Amino acid sequence: MFGLLRVLLTVLGAILIIDCVTLMAVDKINFGTVLPFLIGVVFVGHGLGAPLIAKILSNNPLLRRVWYGLWLMFGLWLVSFLVFFYSLQQQIAQSRQDLPPVAAIIVLGSGTVDGKPTPTLASRLDTAAQLIEQQPQALIITSGGVGYERTRSEADIMATYLQQAHDIPLDRIYQEGKSTSTEENLAYSQVILEQHGIDKEAPIAIVTSDFHTIRAAAIARHQGYTQPITLASTTPLSIRYNAWFREYFAFGSGWLLQEY
């Protein structure tokens, strides 16, 4: 039993290390890659050094209790993560169903590189374009500010992408170009909605990445959007599960900061 657990931990740890090192090698160094990498190192170290660890613990009862306590805490955290993962899967499935008519479509920013959307943001915009085609009556808002050492707002780059890739006229797209977070995306977009006579109680589609749907909906409701309808875009496979992992902690952080 314990031998099998050691093997499983070692294999899982190696997978985590390889995955995270691959992403960090292409400058994707963030919480969603660093923490899983460290967990992988601990798993591999535990798997390979189990006999030595067992020997050390057998001679130190206090250290043994601390060791088992740490594993218990990890187990409880793992359960909470699995619950979050399941809830996220349910939210994603719900957000990919046919949407009812909406008054507005808000596309949340997710980063640009060299004046172009990142693959994650391009996926959001491609998803939004499908909805725009289905619901031509909806007001379109791209939301994202000017990044560090940038000259164009993310909202402008997003609008340009929709025009060039999907032939959506620029004069149909309203740009919210000041925000730097999801909370600000939705707060500043309210100004544009009000300018066009759209109440926050109207059904409003919020287009974002699959991993981000739970938090985006929670923030929207906290701000008074009574009918937020999240539409999930697919996160590129190369970063999908790291992004979902990072979102678990981002959701907890948002709760602590009272964003919802």
C-alpha atoms as a PDB file:
ATOM      1  CA  MET A   1       0.000   0.000   0.000  1.00  0.00           C
ATOM      2  CA  PHE A   2       2.628   2.543   1.091  1.00  0.00           C
ATOM      3  CA  GLY A   3       4.941   1.362  -1.671  1.00  0.00           C
ATOM      4  CA  LEU A   4       2.264   2.075  -4.271  1.00  0.00           C
ATOM      5  CA  LEU A   5       1.641   5.511  -2.722  1.00  0.00           C
ATOM      6  CA  ARG A   6       5.354   6.296  -2.972  1.00  0.00           C
ATOM      7  CA  VAL A   7       5.366   5.376  -6.659  1.00  0.00           C
ATOM      8  CA  LEU A   8       2.244   7.435  -7.364  1.00  0.00           C
ATOM      9  CA  LEU A   9       3.658  10.470  -5.551  1.00  0.00           C
ATOM     10  CA  THR A  10       6.954  10.182  -7.411  1.00  0.00           C
ATOM     11  CA  VAL A  11       5.245   9.905 -10.810  1.00  0.00           C
ATOM     12  CA  LEU A  12       2.822  12.739 -10.052  1.00  0.00           C
ATOM     13  CA  GLY A  13       5.668  14.896  -8.758  1.00  0.00           C
ATOM     14  CA  ALA A  14       7.727  14.262 -11.888  1.00  0.00           C
ATOM     15  CA  ILE A  15       4.761  15.213 -14.089  1.00  0.00           C
ATOM     16  CA  LEU A  16       4.252  18.445 -12.145  1.00  0.00           C
ATOM     17  CA  ILE A  17       7.947  19.329 -12.395  1.00  0.00           C
ATOM     18  CA  ILE A  18       8.167  18.656 -16.145  1.00  0.00           C
ATOM     19  CA  ASP A  19       4.951  20.579 -16.845  1.00  0.00           C
ATOM     20  CA  CYS A  20       5.973  23.621 -14.794  1.00  0.00           C
ATOM     21  CA  VAL A  21       9.576  23.726 -16.001  1.00  0.00           C
ATOM     22  CA  THR A  22       8.317  23.605 -19.608  1.00  0.00           C
ATOM     23  CA  LEU A  23       6.042  26.597 -18.992  1.00  0.00           C
ATOM     24  CA  MET A  24       8.629  28.554 -16.996  1.00  0.00           C
ATOM     25  CA  ALA A  25      11.124  28.045 -19.820  1.00  0.00           C
ATOM     26  CA  VAL A  26       8.850  30.155 -22.042  1.00  0.00           C
ATOM     27  CA  ASP A  27       8.521  32.928 -19.427  1.00  0.00           C
ATOM     28  CA  LYS A  28       5.268  31.706 -17.882  1.00  0.00           C
ATOM     29  CA  ILE A  29       6.554  32.212 -14.353  1.00  0.00           C
ATOM     30  CA  ASN A  30       3.620  32.791 -12.026  1.00  0.00           C
ATOM     31  CA  PHE A  31       1.843  31.345  -9.021  1.00  0.00           C
ATOM     32  CA  GLY A  32       0.223  28.682 -11.186  1.00  0.00           C
ATOM     33  CA  THR A  33       3.602  27.300 -12.244  1.00  0.00           C
ATOM     34  CA  VAL A  34       5.876  27.969  -9.250  1.00  0.00           C
ATOM     35  CA  LEU A  35       3.682  26.430  -6.540  1.00  0.00           C
ATOM     36  CA  PRO A  36       2.888  23.205  -8.460  1.00  0.00           C
ATOM     37  CA  PHE A  37       6.624  22.935  -9.213  1.00  0.00           C
ATOM     38  CA  LEU A  38       7.431  23.112  -5.485  1.00  0.00           C
ATOM     39  CA  ILE A  39       4.714  20.551  -4.715  1.00  0.00           C
ATOM     40  CA  GLY A  40       6.227  18.301  -7.369  1.00  0.00           C
ATOM     41  CA  VAL A  41       9.661  18.611  -5.784  1.00  0.00           C
ATOM     42  CA  VAL A  42       8.200  17.643  -2.388  1.00  0.00           C
ATOM     43  CA  PHE A  43       6.407  14.643  -3.903  1.00  0.00           C
ATOM     44  CA  VAL A  44       9.504  13.385  -5.694  1.00  0.00           C
ATOM     45  CA  GLY A  45      11.659  14.005  -2.616  1.00  0.00           C
ATOM     46  CA  HIS A  46       9.195  12.113  -0.444  1.00  0.00           C
ATOM     47  CA  GLY A  47       8.933   9.236  -2.896  1.00  0.00           C
ATOM     48  CA  LEU A  48      12.674   8.800  -3.317  1.00  0.00           C
ATOM     49  CA  GLY A  49      13.620   9.526   0.286  1.00  0.00           C
ATOM     50  CA  ALA A  50      10.806   7.702   2.072  1.00  0.00           C
ATOM     51  CA  PRO A  51      13.067   5.143   3.854  1.00  0.00           C
ATOM     52  CA  LEU A  52      15.318   7.894   5.227  1.00  0.00           C
ATOM     53  CA  ILE A  53      12.311   9.995   6.249  1.00  0.00           C
ATOM     54  CA  ALA A  54      10.753   7.001   8.024  1.00  0.00           C
ATOM     55  CA  LYS A  55      13.987   6.385   9.911  1.00  0.00           C
ATOM     56  CA  ILE A  56      14.246  10.013  11.034  1.00  0.00           C
ATOM     57  CA  LEU A  57      10.611  10.115  12.134  1.00  0.00           C
ATOM     58  CA  SER A  58      10.873   6.855  14.085  1.00  0.00           C
ATOM     59  CA  ASN A  59      13.508   8.430  16.330  1.00  0.00           C
ATOM     60  CA  ASN A  60      11.624  11.696  16.911  1.00  0.00           C
ATOM     61  CA  PRO A  61       7.969  11.419  18.078  1.00  0.00           C
ATOM     62  CA  LEU A  62       7.415  15.209  18.024  1.00  0.00           C
ATOM     63  CA  LEU A  63       8.719  15.528  14.487  1.00  0.00           C
ATOM     64  CA  ARG A  64       6.556  12.571  13.494  1.00  0.00           C
ATOM     65  CA  ARG A  65       3.428  14.299  14.817  1.00  0.00           C
ATOM     66  CA  VAL A  66       4.337  17.488  12.951  1.00  0.00           C
ATOM     67  CA  TRP A  67       4.939  15.481   9.778  1.00  0.00           C
ATOM     68  CA  TYR A  68       1.574  13.737   9.948  1.00  0.00           C
ATOM     69  CA  GLY A  69      -0.094  17.034  10.825  1.00  0.00           C
ATOM     70  CA  LEU A  70       1.313  18.600   7.678  1.00  0.00           C
ATOM     71  CA  TRP A  71       0.035  15.732   5.553  1.00  0.00           C
ATOM     72  CA  LEU A  72      -3.395  16.080   7.187  1.00  0.00           C
ATOM     73  CA  MET A  73      -3.442  19.793   6.310  1.00  0.00           C
ATOM     74  CA  PHE A  74      -2.446  18.945   2.760  1.00  0.00           C
ATOM     75  CA  GLY A  75      -5.246  16.385   2.556  1.00  0.00           C
ATOM     76  CA  LEU A  76      -7.826  18.934   3.718  1.00  0.00           C
ATOM     77  CA  TRP A  77      -6.503  21.463   1.210  1.00  0.00           C
ATOM     78  CA  LEU A  78      -6.697  18.833  -1.539  1.00  0.00           C
ATOM     79  CA  VAL A  79     -10.349  18.145  -0.719  1.00  0.00           C
ATOM     80  CA  SER A  80     -11.145  21.870  -0.928  1.00  0.00           C
ATOM     81  CA  PHE A  81      -9.305  22.097  -4.248  1.00  0.00           C
ATOM     82  CA  LEU A  82     -11.244  19.138  -5.669  1.00  0.00           C
ATOM     83  CA  VAL A  83     -14.523  20.755  -4.580  1.00  0.00           C
ATOM     84  CA  PHE A  84     -13.480  23.975  -6.326  1.00  0.00           C
ATOM     85  CA  PHE A  85     -12.411  22.013  -9.406  1.00  0.00           C
ATOM     86  CA  TYR A  86     -15.793  20.257  -9.543  1.00  0.00           C
ATOM     87  CA  SER A  87     -17.679  23.534  -9.084  1.00  0.00           C
ATOM     88  CA  LEU A  88     -15.621  25.083 -11.854  1.00  0.00           C
ATOM     89  CA  GLN A  89     -16.412  22.224 -14.213  1.00  0.00           C
ATOM     90  CA  GLN A  90     -20.122  22.667 -13.479  1.00  0.00           C
ATOM     91  CA  GLN A  91     -19.922  26.422 -14.076  1.00  0.00           C
ATOM     92  CA  ILE A  92     -18.063  25.910 -17.363  1.00  0.00           C
ATOM     93  CA  ALA A  93     -20.653  23.402 -18.584  1.00  0.00           C
ATOM     94  CA  GLN A  94     -23.472  25.784 -17.672  1.00  0.00           C
ATOM     95  CA  SER A  95     -21.787  28.761 -19.345  1.00  0.00           C
ATOM     96  CA  ARG A  96     -21.494  26.870 -22.652  1.00  0.00           C
ATOM     97  CA  GLN A  97     -25.207  26.296 -23.002  1.00  0.00           C
ATOM     98  CA  ASP A  98     -27.307  28.385 -25.379  1.00  0.00           C
ATOM     99  CA  LEU A  99     -27.581  31.907 -24.047  1.00  0.00           C
ATOM    100  CA  PRO A 100     -30.849  33.855 -23.856  1.00  0.00           C
ATOM    101  CA  PRO A 101     -31.032  37.309 -25.490  1.00  0.00           C
ATOM    102  CA  VAL A 102     -28.680  39.747 -23.729  1.00  0.00           C
ATOM    103  CA  ALA A 103     -28.556  43.537 -23.625  1.00  0.00           C
ATOM    104  CA  ALA A 104     -24.776  43.763 -23.691  1.00  0.00           C
ATOM    105  CA  ILE A 105     -21.642  41.663 -24.144  1.00  0.00           C
ATOM    106  CA  ILE A 106     -18.617  42.541 -22.004  1.00  0.00           C
ATOM    107  CA  VAL A 107     -15.348  40.890 -23.047  1.00  0.00           C
ATOM    108  CA  LEU A 108     -12.793  40.848 -20.232  1.00  0.00           C
ATOM    109  CA  GLY A 109      -9.123  41.441 -21.037  1.00  0.00           C
ATOM    110  CA  SER A 110      -6.391  38.893 -20.397  1.00  0.00           C
ATOM    111  CA  GLY A 111      -3.114  40.332 -21.673  1.00  0.00           C
ATOM    112  CA  THR A 112      -1.449  41.326 -24.918  1.00  0.00           C
ATOM    113  CA  VAL A 113       1.993  40.785 -26.453  1.00  0.00           C
ATOM    114  CA  ASP A 114       3.502  43.093 -29.084  1.00  0.00           C
ATOM    115  CA  GLY A 115       0.166  44.754 -29.701  1.00  0.00           C
ATOM    116  CA  LYS A 116      -1.719  41.503 -30.221  1.00  0.00           C
ATOM    117  CA  PRO A 117      -3.937  39.402 -27.938  1.00  0.00           C
ATOM    118  CA  THR A 118      -2.336  36.493 -26.117  1.00  0.00           C
ATOM    119  CA  PRO A 119      -3.718  33.059 -27.082  1.00  0.00           C
ATOM    120  CA  THR A 120      -5.926  33.157 -23.976  1.00  0.00           C
ATOM    121  CA  LEU A 121      -7.353  36.553 -24.892  1.00  0.00           C
ATOM    122  CA  ALA A 122      -7.757  35.586 -28.554  1.00  0.00           C
ATOM    123  CA  SER A 123      -9.836  32.609 -27.413  1.00  0.00           C
ATOM    124  CA  ARG A 124     -12.078  34.956 -25.421  1.00  0.00           C
ATOM    125  CA  LEU A 125     -12.502  37.244 -28.419  1.00  0.00           C
ATOM    126  CA  ASP A 126     -13.241  34.346 -30.788  1.00  0.00           C
ATOM    127  CA  THR A 127     -15.883  33.098 -28.363  1.00  0.00           C
ATOM    128  CA  ALA A 128     -17.361  36.586 -28.061  1.00  0.00           C
ATOM    129  CA  ALA A 129     -17.485  36.940 -31.854  1.00  0.00           C
ATOM    130  CA  GLN A 130     -19.736  33.888 -32.118  1.00  0.00           C
ATOM    131  CA  LEU A 131     -22.153  35.401 -29.620  1.00  0.00           C
ATOM    132  CA  ILE A 132     -22.034  38.807 -31.343  1.00  0.00           C
ATOM    133  CA  GLU A 133     -23.017  37.139 -34.602  1.00  0.00           C
ATOM    134  CA  GLN A 134     -25.931  35.387 -32.905  1.00  0.00           C
ATOM    135  CA  GLN A 135     -27.119  38.502 -31.049  1.00  0.00           C
ATOM    136  CA  PRO A 136     -26.493  41.573 -33.248  1.00  0.00           C
ATOM    137  CA  GLN A 137     -28.702  43.728 -31.026  1.00  0.00           C
ATOM    138  CA  ALA A 138     -26.324  43.516 -28.055  1.00  0.00           C
ATOM    139  CA  LEU A 139     -24.014  46.359 -27.060  1.00  0.00           C
ATOM    140  CA  ILE A 140     -20.351  45.263 -27.310  1.00  0.00           C
ATOM    141  CA  ILE A 141     -17.750  46.346 -24.745  1.00  0.00           C
ATOM    142  CA  THR A 142     -14.077  45.387 -24.746  1.00  0.00           C
ATOM    143  CA  SER A 143     -12.532  45.939 -21.334  1.00  0.00           C
ATOM    144  CA  GLY A 144      -8.848  46.331 -20.487  1.00  0.00           C
ATOM    145  CA  GLY A 145      -6.492  49.193 -19.650  1.00  0.00           C
ATOM    146  CA  VAL A 146      -3.004  50.250 -20.685  1.00  0.00           C
ATOM    147  CA  GLY A 147      -0.363  47.830 -19.412  1.00  0.00           C
ATOM    148  CA  TYR A 148       3.080  48.664 -18.055  1.00  0.00           C
ATOM    149  CA  GLU A 149       5.297  50.282 -20.712  1.00  0.00           C
ATOM    150  CA  ARG A 150       2.443  50.048 -23.250  1.00  0.00           C
ATOM    151  CA  THR A 151       0.898  52.824 -25.320  1.00  0.00           C
ATOM    152  CA  ARG A 152      -2.354  51.187 -26.461  1.00  0.00           C
ATOM    153  CA  SER A 153      -5.093  50.003 -24.183  1.00  0.00           C
ATOM    154  CA  GLU A 154      -5.960  46.345 -24.157  1.00  0.00           C
ATOM    155  CA  ALA A 155      -9.530  47.312 -25.049  1.00  0.00           C
ATOM    156  CA  ASP A 156      -8.260  48.965 -28.248  1.00  0.00           C
ATOM    157  CA  ILE A 157      -6.223  45.907 -29.217  1.00  0.00           C
ATOM    158  CA  MET A 158      -9.232  43.682 -28.519  1.00  0.00           C
ATOM    159  CA  ALA A 159     -11.518  45.842 -30.667  1.00  0.00           C
ATOM    160  CA  THR A 160      -8.987  45.799 -33.506  1.00  0.00           C
ATOM    161  CA  TYR A 161      -8.789  41.996 -33.315  1.00  0.00           C
ATOM    162  CA  LEU A 162     -12.571  41.670 -33.514  1.00  0.00           C
ATOM    163  CA  GLN A 163     -12.609  43.951 -36.548  1.00  0.00           C
ATOM    164  CA  GLN A 164      -9.726  42.268 -38.374  1.00  0.00           C
ATOM    165  CA  ALA A 165     -10.430  38.635 -37.490  1.00  0.00           C
ATOM    166  CA  HIS A 166     -14.230  38.683 -37.462  1.00  0.00           C
ATOM    167  CA  ASP A 167     -15.256  41.732 -39.544  1.00  0.00           C
ATOM    168  CA  ILE A 168     -17.064  43.370 -36.652  1.00  0.00           C
ATOM    169  CA  PRO A 169     -17.212  47.142 -37.350  1.00  0.00           C
ATOM    170  CA  LEU A 170     -15.205  49.240 -34.921  1.00  0.00           C
ATOM    171  CA  ASP A 171     -18.080  51.677 -34.526  1.00  0.00           C
ATOM    172  CA  ARG A 172     -20.104  48.869 -32.927  1.00  0.00           C
ATOM    173  CA  ILE A 173     -17.472  48.267 -30.240  1.00  0.00           C
ATOM    174  CA  TYR A 174     -17.236  50.445 -27.150  1.00  0.00           C
ATOM    175  CA  GLN A 175     -13.904  50.438 -25.365  1.00  0.00           C
ATOM    176  CA  GLU A 176     -13.351  50.547 -21.618  1.00  0.00           C
ATOM    177  CA  GLY A 177      -9.640  51.314 -21.529  1.00  0.00           C
ATOM    178  CA  LYS A 178      -8.813  52.119 -17.893  1.00  0.00           C
ATOM    179  CA  SER A 179      -9.215  48.886 -15.927  1.00  0.00           C
ATOM    180  CA  THR A 180      -6.418  46.751 -14.506  1.00  0.00           C
ATOM    181  CA  SER A 181      -8.427  43.982 -12.822  1.00  0.00           C
ATOM    182  CA  THR A 182     -11.648  42.025 -13.175  1.00  0.00           C
ATOM    183  CA  GLU A 183     -13.247  44.176 -10.491  1.00  0.00           C
ATOM    184  CA  GLU A 184     -12.386  47.314 -12.461  1.00  0.00           C
ATOM    185  CA  ASN A 185     -13.380  45.705 -15.787  1.00  0.00           C
ATOM    186  CA  LEU A 186     -16.924  45.316 -14.557  1.00  0.00           C
ATOM    187  CA  ALA A 187     -17.102  48.544 -12.550  1.00  0.00           C
ATOM    188  CA  TYR A 188     -15.863  50.805 -15.367  1.00  0.00           C
ATOM    189  CA  SER A 189     -18.005  49.019 -17.952  1.00  0.00           C
ATOM    190  CA  GLN A 190     -21.055  50.110 -15.959  1.00  0.00           C
ATOM    191  CA  VAL A 191     -20.417  53.697 -17.077  1.00  0.00           C
ATOM    192  CA  ILE A 192     -20.738  52.669 -20.738  1.00  0.00           C
ATOM    193  CA  LEU A 193     -23.860  50.647 -19.976  1.00  0.00           C
ATOM    194  CA  GLU A 194     -25.465  53.636 -18.252  1.00  0.00           C
ATOM    195  CA  GLN A 195     -24.571  55.930 -21.165  1.00  0.00           C
ATOM    196  CA  HIS A 196     -26.600  53.641 -23.427  1.00  0.00           C
ATOM    197  CA  GLY A 197     -29.530  53.230 -21.086  1.00  0.00           C
ATOM    198  CA  ILE A 198     -28.730  49.652 -20.081  1.00  0.00           C
ATOM    199  CA  ASP A 199     -29.452  48.803 -16.462  1.00  0.00           C
ATOM    200  CA  LYS A 200     -27.287  46.412 -14.466  1.00  0.00           C
ATOM    201  CA  GLU A 201     -30.407  44.350 -13.851  1.00  0.00           C
ATOM    202  CA  ALA A 202     -30.625  43.484 -17.543  1.00  0.00           C
ATOM    203  CA  PRO A 203     -29.178  40.176 -18.773  1.00  0.00           C
ATOM    204  CA  ILE A 204     -25.540  40.899 -19.590  1.00  0.00           C
ATOM    205  CA  ALA A 205     -23.064  38.405 -21.040  1.00  0.00           C
ATOM    206  CA  ILE A 206     -19.568  38.390 -19.576  1.00  0.00           C
ATOM    207  CA  VAL A 207     -17.066  36.636 -21.840  1.00  0.00           C
ATOM    208  CA  THR A 208     -14.018  35.279 -20.083  1.00  0.00           C
ATOM    209  CA  SER A 209     -11.835  32.177 -19.850  1.00  0.00           C
ATOM    210  CA  ASP A 210     -13.305  28.931 -18.542  1.00  0.00           C
ATOM    211  CA  PHE A 211     -11.215  29.002 -15.345  1.00  0.00           C
ATOM    212  CA  HIS A 212     -12.322  32.569 -14.582  1.00  0.00           C
ATOM    213  CA  THR A 213     -16.103  32.140 -14.821  1.00  0.00           C
ATOM    214  CA  ILE A 214     -16.863  31.540 -11.124  1.00  0.00           C
ATOM    215  CA  ARG A 215     -14.921  34.570  -9.910  1.00  0.00           C
ATOM    216  CA  ALA A 216     -16.155  36.867 -12.693  1.00  0.00           C
ATOM    217  CA  ALA A 217     -19.799  35.987 -11.947  1.00  0.00           C
ATOM    218  CA  ALA A 218     -19.288  36.463  -8.200  1.00  0.00           C
ATOM    219  CA  ILE A 219     -17.697  39.904  -8.681  1.00  0.00           C
ATOM    220  CA  ALA A 220     -20.467  40.937 -11.093  1.00  0.00           C
ATOM    221  CA  ARG A 221     -23.212  40.001  -8.635  1.00  0.00           C
ATOM    222  CA  HIS A 222     -21.403  41.839  -5.839  1.00  0.00           C
ATOM    223  CA  GLN A 223     -21.394  44.960  -8.000  1.00  0.00           C
ATOM    224  CA  GLY A 224     -25.128  44.788  -8.653  1.00  0.00           C
ATOM    225  CA  TYR A 225     -25.330  42.878 -11.927  1.00  0.00           C
ATOM    226  CA  THR A 226     -28.425  40.826 -11.206  1.00  0.00           C
ATOM    227  CA  GLN A 227     -28.371  38.697 -14.361  1.00  0.00           C
ATOM    228  CA  PRO A 228     -24.712  38.133 -15.247  1.00  0.00           C
ATOM    229  CA  ILE A 229     -24.354  35.339 -17.789  1.00  0.00           C
ATOM    230  CA  THR A 230     -20.810  34.064 -18.122  1.00  0.00           C
ATOM    231  CA  LEU A 231     -19.662  32.682 -21.450  1.00  0.00           C
ATOM    232  CA  ALA A 232     -16.564  30.494 -21.154  1.00  0.00           C
ATOM    233  CA  SER A 233     -13.796  30.414 -23.730  1.00  0.00           C
ATOM    234  CA  THR A 234     -11.438  27.446 -23.833  1.00  0.00           C
ATOM    235  CA  THR A 235      -8.050  28.016 -22.217  1.00  0.00           C
ATOM    236  CA  PRO A 236      -5.140  26.785 -24.386  1.00  0.00           C
ATOM    237  CA  LEU A 237      -4.220  23.262 -23.309  1.00  0.00           C
ATOM    238  CA  SER A 238      -0.571  24.161 -22.635  1.00  0.00           C
ATOM    239  CA  ILE A 239      -1.561  26.397 -19.703  1.00  0.00           C
ATOM    240  CA  ARG A 240      -5.086  25.169 -18.909  1.00  0.00           C
ATOM    241  CA  TYR A 241      -4.561  23.241 -15.706  1.00  0.00           C
ATOM    242  CA  ASN A 242      -1.933  25.618 -14.347  1.00  0.00           C
ATOM    243  CA  ALA A 243      -4.413  28.461 -14.910  1.00  0.00           C
ATOM    244  CA  TRP A 244      -7.153  26.518 -13.115  1.00  0.00           C
ATOM    245  CA  PHE A 245      -4.754  25.843 -10.239  1.00  0.00           C
ATOM    246  CA  ARG A 246      -3.829  29.525  -9.990  1.00  0.00           C
ATOM    247  CA  GLU A 247      -7.503  30.509 -10.090  1.00  0.00           C
ATOM    248  CA  TYR A 248      -8.194  28.481  -6.933  1.00  0.00           C
ATOM    249  CA  PHE A 249      -5.922  30.817  -4.985  1.00  0.00           C
ATOM    250  CA  ALA A 250      -7.148  33.904  -6.849  1.00  0.00           C
ATOM    251  CA  PHE A 251     -10.713  33.030  -5.829  1.00  0.00           C
ATOM    252  CA  GLY A 252      -9.651  32.763  -2.189  1.00  0.00           C
ATOM    253  CA  SER A 253      -7.785  36.056  -2.447  1.00  0.00           C
ATOM    254  CA  GLY A 254     -10.848  37.762  -3.916  1.00  0.00           C
ATOM    255  CA  TRP A 255     -12.948  36.518  -1.012  1.00  0.00           C
ATOM    256  CA  LEU A 256     -10.437  37.888   1.503  1.00  0.00           C
ATOM    257  CA  LEU A 257     -10.395  41.245  -0.303  1.00  0.00           C
ATOM    258  CA  GLN A 258     -14.217  41.275  -0.200  1.00  0.00           C
ATOM    259  CA  GLU A 259     -14.580  41.478  -3.973  1.00  0.00           C
ATOM    260  CA  TYR A 260     -17.692  39.300  -3.564  1.00  0.00           C
END
